[in-house]
Protein backbone atom coordinates (compact mmCIF):
# COMPACT_ATOMS: atom_id res chain seq x y z
CA ALA A 1 71.19 168.21 -20.12
CA SER A 2 68.92 165.17 -19.78
CA LEU A 3 68.82 164.85 -23.57
CA GLY A 4 72.62 165.02 -23.63
CA CYS A 5 72.86 162.31 -20.94
CA GLY A 6 70.48 160.08 -22.88
CA LEU A 7 72.48 160.50 -26.09
CA SER A 8 75.91 160.07 -24.45
CA GLN A 9 78.23 157.59 -26.14
CA ASN A 10 80.87 157.30 -23.41
CA LEU A 11 81.50 158.01 -19.73
CA GLU A 12 83.15 161.39 -20.36
CA GLN A 13 80.11 162.71 -22.24
CA LEU A 14 77.76 161.38 -19.57
CA LEU A 15 79.75 163.06 -16.78
CA PHE A 16 79.80 166.38 -18.66
CA PHE A 17 76.04 166.45 -19.16
CA ARG A 18 75.44 165.26 -15.59
CA VAL A 19 77.34 168.32 -14.37
CA ILE A 20 75.10 170.54 -16.51
CA GLN A 21 72.07 168.69 -15.20
CA GLY A 22 73.25 169.21 -11.63
CA ILE A 23 73.70 172.95 -12.16
CA GLY A 24 70.13 173.27 -13.41
CA GLY A 25 68.66 171.07 -10.70
CA ALA A 26 70.53 172.87 -7.93
CA LEU A 27 68.78 176.13 -8.88
CA LEU A 28 65.23 174.80 -8.52
CA MET A 29 64.73 174.11 -4.81
CA PRO A 30 66.36 177.35 -3.54
CA VAL A 31 64.17 179.45 -5.86
CA GLY A 32 61.00 177.71 -4.71
CA ARG A 33 61.94 178.03 -1.03
CA LEU A 34 62.89 181.70 -1.50
CA ALA A 35 59.52 182.39 -3.13
CA LEU A 36 57.84 181.00 -0.01
CA LEU A 37 60.05 183.15 2.22
CA LYS A 38 59.09 186.27 0.27
CA LEU A 39 55.37 185.61 -0.21
CA ILE A 40 54.18 183.56 2.79
CA PRO A 41 53.73 185.04 6.31
CA ARG A 42 56.20 183.54 8.78
CA SER A 43 53.36 182.16 10.91
CA GLN A 44 52.35 179.98 7.93
CA PHE A 45 55.89 179.16 6.78
CA LEU A 46 56.03 175.70 8.38
CA SER A 47 52.77 174.62 6.73
CA ALA A 48 53.89 176.03 3.37
CA MET A 49 57.25 174.25 3.53
CA SER A 50 55.52 170.99 4.41
CA LEU A 51 53.13 171.38 1.46
CA MET A 52 56.00 172.25 -0.89
CA SER A 53 57.97 169.16 0.09
CA LEU A 54 54.81 167.06 -0.24
CA ALA A 55 54.51 168.06 -3.90
CA GLY A 56 58.16 167.15 -4.43
CA LEU A 57 57.58 163.60 -3.20
CA ILE A 58 55.53 162.55 -6.22
CA GLY A 59 58.68 162.22 -8.34
CA PRO A 60 60.63 160.13 -5.80
CA LEU A 61 57.56 157.93 -5.40
CA MET A 62 57.52 157.09 -9.11
CA GLY A 63 61.21 157.51 -10.00
CA PRO A 64 62.94 154.45 -8.51
CA THR A 65 60.25 152.04 -9.69
CA LEU A 66 59.99 153.61 -13.15
CA GLY A 67 63.79 153.74 -13.44
CA GLY A 68 64.21 150.09 -12.51
CA TRP A 69 61.50 149.08 -14.97
CA LEU A 70 63.02 151.18 -17.80
CA VAL A 71 66.45 149.62 -17.27
CA GLU A 72 64.98 146.12 -17.50
CA VAL A 73 62.67 146.61 -20.51
CA ALA A 74 64.65 149.24 -22.45
CA THR A 75 68.08 150.81 -21.82
CA TRP A 76 69.57 153.14 -19.22
CA HIS A 77 69.26 156.04 -21.69
CA TRP A 78 65.54 156.25 -21.01
CA ILE A 79 66.16 157.14 -17.37
CA PHE A 80 67.25 160.55 -18.71
CA LEU A 81 65.00 160.84 -21.77
CA ILE A 82 61.89 160.49 -19.59
CA ASN A 83 62.81 163.87 -18.07
CA LEU A 84 62.09 165.72 -21.32
CA PRO A 85 58.25 165.72 -21.24
CA MET A 86 58.30 166.33 -17.48
CA GLY A 87 60.63 169.29 -17.91
CA ILE A 88 58.49 170.84 -20.65
CA LEU A 89 55.37 170.45 -18.49
CA GLY A 90 57.19 172.10 -15.57
CA MET A 91 58.23 175.04 -17.73
CA ILE A 92 54.66 175.64 -18.91
CA MET A 93 53.27 175.52 -15.37
CA THR A 94 56.00 177.86 -14.10
CA PHE A 95 55.19 180.53 -16.70
CA LYS A 96 51.46 180.27 -15.97
CA ILE A 97 51.47 180.02 -12.15
CA MET A 98 54.76 181.31 -10.63
CA PRO A 99 54.62 184.96 -9.42
CA ASN A 100 57.24 187.06 -11.20
CA GLN A 101 58.60 188.78 -8.09
CA LYS A 102 61.95 190.52 -8.47
CA GLU A 103 64.50 191.88 -6.01
CA PRO A 104 64.48 195.71 -5.87
CA THR A 105 68.28 195.79 -5.91
CA VAL A 106 70.76 193.21 -7.17
CA LYS A 107 74.25 193.05 -5.69
CA THR A 108 77.39 192.64 -7.77
CA PHE A 109 78.17 188.95 -8.14
CA ASP A 110 80.94 187.86 -5.76
CA PHE A 111 83.06 185.91 -8.25
CA SER A 112 86.08 185.45 -5.96
CA GLY A 113 83.87 184.12 -3.16
CA PHE A 114 82.17 181.78 -5.62
CA ILE A 115 85.54 180.34 -6.68
CA LEU A 116 86.59 179.81 -3.05
CA LEU A 117 83.35 177.99 -2.23
CA MET A 118 83.58 175.83 -5.33
CA VAL A 119 87.17 174.82 -4.51
CA ALA A 120 86.16 174.10 -0.90
CA MET A 121 83.24 171.85 -1.85
CA VAL A 122 85.13 169.94 -4.54
CA GLY A 123 88.24 169.53 -2.38
CA LEU A 124 86.37 168.23 0.67
CA SER A 125 84.12 165.88 -1.34
CA LEU A 126 86.90 164.38 -3.48
CA GLY A 127 89.28 164.15 -0.53
CA ILE A 128 86.83 162.07 1.49
CA GLU A 129 85.72 159.99 -1.50
CA ASN A 130 89.29 159.02 -2.48
CA MET A 131 90.52 158.13 1.01
CA ALA A 132 89.75 154.43 0.58
CA SER A 133 90.38 154.26 -3.16
CA SER A 134 93.29 152.16 -4.37
CA GLN A 135 93.63 154.41 -7.44
CA TYR A 136 94.94 157.34 -5.39
CA SER A 137 97.56 157.59 -2.69
CA ASN A 138 96.80 158.93 0.78
CA LEU A 139 98.88 161.98 -0.13
CA VAL A 140 96.40 162.91 -2.88
CA SER A 141 93.42 162.55 -0.55
CA ILE A 142 95.06 164.54 2.25
CA SER A 143 96.10 167.24 -0.22
CA LEU A 144 92.54 167.57 -1.50
CA LEU A 145 91.20 167.78 2.04
CA LEU A 146 93.75 170.46 2.94
CA ILE A 147 92.86 172.45 -0.16
CA GLY A 148 89.18 172.23 0.80
CA ILE A 149 89.85 173.30 4.40
CA ILE A 150 92.09 176.21 3.33
CA ALA A 151 89.46 177.39 0.83
CA THR A 152 86.77 177.18 3.53
CA VAL A 153 88.80 179.24 6.00
CA SER A 154 89.67 181.71 3.25
CA TYR A 155 86.02 182.18 2.42
CA ALA A 156 85.14 182.73 6.09
CA TYR A 157 87.65 185.60 6.14
CA HIS A 158 86.37 186.84 2.78
CA ALA A 159 82.76 186.88 4.05
CA HIS A 160 83.67 189.08 7.02
CA THR A 161 85.71 191.58 5.01
CA HIS A 162 83.72 192.03 1.77
CA GLN A 163 80.40 193.85 1.79
CA ASN A 164 79.07 192.07 -1.31
CA ALA A 165 80.09 188.55 -0.26
CA LEU A 166 77.78 185.78 -1.46
CA PHE A 167 77.02 184.89 2.16
CA HIS A 168 77.92 187.69 4.55
CA GLY A 169 79.31 186.88 7.97
CA ARG A 170 76.41 188.73 9.66
CA LEU A 171 74.17 185.73 8.90
CA PHE A 172 75.83 183.90 11.78
CA ARG A 173 74.82 186.60 14.22
CA TYR A 174 71.38 185.01 14.16
CA LYS A 175 71.64 182.21 16.71
CA ILE A 176 68.77 180.10 15.35
CA PHE A 177 70.18 180.30 11.82
CA SER A 178 73.64 179.20 13.00
CA ILE A 179 72.20 176.25 14.94
CA GLY A 180 69.98 175.27 12.02
CA VAL A 181 72.81 175.36 9.47
CA SER A 182 75.15 173.31 11.68
CA GLY A 183 72.44 170.79 12.48
CA ASN A 184 71.43 170.54 8.83
CA PHE A 185 74.96 169.72 7.75
CA PHE A 186 75.72 166.99 10.28
CA ALA A 187 72.23 165.46 10.50
CA ARG A 188 72.08 165.07 6.72
CA LEU A 189 75.40 163.19 6.45
CA GLY A 190 73.82 159.88 7.40
CA SER A 191 70.31 160.50 6.05
CA ASN A 192 71.50 161.60 2.61
CA ALA A 193 73.63 158.47 2.29
CA ILE A 194 70.66 156.13 2.76
CA PRO A 195 69.19 156.52 -0.78
CA PHE A 196 72.69 155.61 -2.03
CA ILE A 197 73.62 152.81 0.34
CA LEU A 198 70.30 150.94 0.66
CA PRO A 199 69.74 150.22 -3.07
CA LEU A 200 73.40 149.23 -3.30
CA MET A 201 73.05 146.84 -0.36
CA LEU A 202 69.82 145.36 -1.73
CA GLN A 203 71.39 144.66 -5.14
CA VAL A 204 75.04 143.88 -4.34
CA ALA A 205 74.73 142.18 -0.95
CA PHE A 206 71.21 140.71 -1.17
CA GLY A 207 70.98 140.07 -4.93
CA PHE A 208 67.75 141.99 -5.61
CA GLU A 209 66.80 142.94 -9.19
CA PRO A 210 66.81 146.70 -10.08
CA PHE A 211 63.01 146.77 -10.47
CA ILE A 212 62.46 145.12 -7.08
CA THR A 213 64.97 147.51 -5.51
CA GLY A 214 63.00 150.43 -6.94
CA LEU A 215 59.78 149.04 -5.45
CA MET A 216 61.50 148.74 -2.07
CA MET A 217 62.10 152.50 -2.05
CA ILE A 218 58.37 153.29 -2.25
CA PRO A 219 57.79 152.86 1.53
CA LEU A 220 60.36 155.63 2.13
CA VAL A 221 58.26 158.06 0.14
CA LEU A 222 54.98 156.84 1.62
CA GLY A 223 56.45 157.49 5.06
CA SER A 224 57.37 161.00 3.97
CA LEU A 225 53.80 161.57 2.75
CA PHE A 226 52.43 160.31 6.06
CA SER A 227 54.57 162.78 8.04
CA LYS A 228 53.31 165.97 6.38
CA PRO A 229 50.00 166.45 8.23
CA ILE A 230 51.53 165.78 11.66
CA ILE A 231 54.67 167.92 11.66
CA ARG A 232 53.12 171.28 12.52
CA PRO A 233 50.96 169.96 15.40
CA LEU A 234 54.02 168.15 16.77
CA ILE A 235 56.22 171.26 16.75
CA GLN A 236 53.44 173.44 18.16
CA ARG A 237 52.97 170.96 20.99
CA VAL A 238 56.58 170.27 22.01
CA GLY A 239 58.63 173.08 20.39
CA TYR A 240 61.57 172.87 18.00
CA ARG A 241 64.13 171.96 20.67
CA ARG A 242 62.45 168.87 22.07
CA PHE A 243 61.18 167.83 18.63
CA LEU A 244 64.58 167.95 16.89
CA LEU A 245 66.44 166.45 19.86
CA THR A 246 64.13 163.44 19.96
CA ASN A 247 63.71 163.00 16.22
CA THR A 248 67.45 163.27 15.49
CA ILE A 249 68.16 160.42 17.91
CA LEU A 250 65.32 158.34 16.44
CA VAL A 251 66.61 158.87 12.89
CA GLY A 252 70.10 157.79 13.99
CA LEU A 253 68.75 154.66 15.68
CA CYS A 254 66.68 153.86 12.58
CA ILE A 255 69.75 154.21 10.32
CA ALA A 256 71.84 152.00 12.60
CA SER A 257 69.07 149.40 12.82
CA PHE A 258 69.22 148.89 9.05
CA SER A 259 72.33 146.85 9.94
CA LEU A 260 69.94 144.16 11.21
CA MET A 261 68.41 143.76 7.74
CA THR A 262 69.46 140.66 5.80
CA ALA A 263 68.41 138.95 2.58
CA VAL A 264 66.07 136.66 4.55
CA THR A 265 64.41 139.40 6.62
CA PRO A 266 60.63 139.13 6.07
CA LEU A 267 59.35 141.51 3.40
CA TRP A 268 56.75 143.09 5.68
CA LEU A 269 59.46 143.95 8.21
CA LYS A 270 61.65 145.55 5.51
CA VAL A 271 58.68 147.61 4.30
CA LEU A 272 57.76 148.71 7.84
CA HIS A 273 61.37 149.65 8.59
CA LEU A 274 61.66 151.76 5.43
CA PHE A 275 58.28 153.40 6.10
CA ILE A 276 59.33 154.43 9.62
CA PHE A 277 62.61 155.84 8.35
CA GLY A 278 60.81 157.79 5.62
CA THR A 279 58.46 159.30 8.20
CA LEU A 280 61.20 160.27 10.66
CA ASN A 281 63.52 161.57 7.96
CA SER A 282 60.85 163.79 6.41
CA LEU A 283 59.96 165.21 9.83
CA GLN A 284 63.65 165.92 10.40
CA PHE A 285 64.25 167.73 7.11
CA VAL A 286 61.17 169.96 7.27
CA GLY A 287 61.80 170.77 10.93
CA MET A 288 65.46 171.69 10.36
CA ASN A 289 64.76 173.78 7.26
CA THR A 290 61.97 175.84 8.79
CA LEU A 291 63.93 176.38 12.00
CA THR A 292 66.93 177.65 10.05
CA LEU A 293 65.04 180.24 7.99
CA LYS A 294 62.12 181.26 10.21
CA ASP A 295 63.77 184.20 12.00
CA LEU A 296 65.81 185.70 9.16
CA PRO A 297 64.84 189.31 8.27
CA GLN A 298 63.73 189.99 4.70
CA HIS A 299 67.00 191.65 3.67
CA ASP A 300 68.96 188.50 4.60
CA ALA A 301 66.36 185.93 3.51
CA SER A 302 67.78 185.42 0.01
CA SER A 303 71.37 185.04 1.20
CA GLY A 304 70.41 182.76 4.10
CA ASN A 305 68.26 180.57 1.88
CA SER A 306 71.06 180.20 -0.68
CA PHE A 307 73.58 179.36 2.04
CA LEU A 308 71.26 176.69 3.46
CA SER A 309 70.89 175.19 -0.02
CA MET A 310 74.67 175.09 -0.42
CA ILE A 311 75.07 173.38 2.96
CA MET A 312 72.44 170.81 2.00
CA MET A 313 74.22 170.03 -1.28
CA LEU A 314 77.62 169.87 0.45
CA SER A 315 76.25 167.55 3.12
CA MET A 316 74.71 165.31 0.46
CA SER A 317 77.97 165.15 -1.48
CA ILE A 318 80.11 164.46 1.59
CA GLY A 319 77.55 162.01 3.01
CA VAL A 320 77.55 159.86 -0.13
CA ALA A 321 81.34 160.11 -0.44
CA MET A 322 81.76 159.17 3.21
CA ALA A 323 79.40 156.20 2.84
CA GLY A 324 81.35 154.94 -0.17
CA THR A 325 84.62 155.38 1.69
CA LEU A 326 83.33 153.51 4.74
CA ILE A 327 82.06 150.63 2.59
CA ASN A 328 85.48 150.34 0.95
CA LEU A 329 87.29 150.47 4.30
CA PHE A 330 85.05 147.88 5.94
CA SER A 331 85.20 145.68 2.82
CA GLN A 332 88.97 145.48 3.29
CA HIS A 333 88.45 144.44 6.90
CA PHE A 334 85.74 141.83 6.29
CA SER A 335 86.14 138.95 3.85
CA THR A 336 84.84 139.39 0.31
CA THR A 337 82.27 136.65 0.98
CA SER A 338 80.70 138.82 3.69
CA ILE A 339 80.08 142.07 1.82
CA SER A 340 76.86 142.56 3.79
CA SER A 341 78.97 143.02 6.95
CA ALA A 342 80.67 146.02 5.35
CA PHE A 343 77.28 147.60 4.64
CA HIS A 344 76.08 146.87 8.17
CA ALA A 345 79.16 148.43 9.77
CA THR A 346 78.75 151.50 7.55
CA LEU A 347 75.11 151.90 8.58
CA ILE A 348 75.99 151.68 12.28
CA THR A 349 78.67 154.35 11.82
CA LEU A 350 76.30 156.69 9.97
CA GLY A 351 73.63 156.16 12.62
CA CYS A 352 76.06 157.07 15.41
CA ILE A 353 77.03 160.29 13.60
CA ASN A 354 73.36 161.22 13.40
CA ILE A 355 72.76 160.56 17.10
CA ILE A 356 75.74 162.72 18.12
CA THR A 357 74.26 165.59 16.06
CA ALA A 358 71.50 165.91 18.68
CA ILE A 359 74.03 167.87 20.77
CA ILE A 360 73.71 170.75 18.29
CA PHE A 361 69.93 170.97 18.68
CA TRP A 362 70.32 171.04 22.46
CA GLN A 363 71.32 174.70 22.03
CA ILE A 364 67.90 175.72 20.63
CA PRO A 365 66.04 177.97 23.11
CA LYS A 366 63.29 175.98 24.83
CA GLU A 367 60.55 178.45 23.92
CA THR A 368 61.20 178.27 20.15
CA THR A 369 58.05 177.27 18.20
CA ASP A 370 56.82 177.82 14.66
CA GLU A 371 55.33 181.15 15.79
CA SER A 372 58.24 182.47 17.88
């Protein structure tokens, strides 16, 4: 798929291969997380998840800077072609290192449920994305949203009435899982939009070059790296409830405070701000993910893990679409000479959404830790 993207001659070809690339990429994280669920004792699950996410930060550390440099010295095609040697290396390491554990029984694939979920995700994402677009009428956006909502409700009924549903309704009998999934969805709306909105603001509103914008993303990843050794001691000390309540509010405040950033903000302050957000955001993601999956029994681990992955992807899609919609809406309100105001208003809105999400984590039992 990366080769196809790099060789694309028009937008249609690029979109087609990007879809294929997305399908392949979407399979990787759930499989790795499921392997941890199956092989690692639950008492060590938090440490294992933290280590797994640490390894995944090497790419984001190099990617934005390398991508910005490639665009300036070569062409955009090389952003995709650089994936080829990395992909081949990953394949070799997988065959040599990854345990070949298989499920004892494999259920019949729930094709009708898959179609309902696909329609729901596409309808909701496109409906939100097109709300502020001048190319489509409000009727089109509302229709897409209604289709997405109807498909979601239909799948909820399907999950409770079909034994082989992709994600059976019994998953939501586990209170911690239900809280974790809900919190994951809403808390990621703002956080997932930041990697989209910040580079856009730096380039469009502040006039930064692509290479410099890529360098500005490095503190985010360094903050994530810094958070890994401290997350387990933090949760052991204060518990999941207090940890996620506090950290969710801090992440929301950090997102909203990006609205104070301007083109003349001192560089050291920008770097510090991005580093703090990277730290808090990484703590949030690892904490939410481990909370969601920690109490699932083995026979529901695969289904629960896949459902969490779907929620994460849906939240990312809707978060980016919502951020784009908000920027368009606020751009119409503010003058075209003050595009930075539209970005600032969007960041404040996303931060407020994140802060409100803390209400969900209030429902976590007080005694919940990484060992209970």
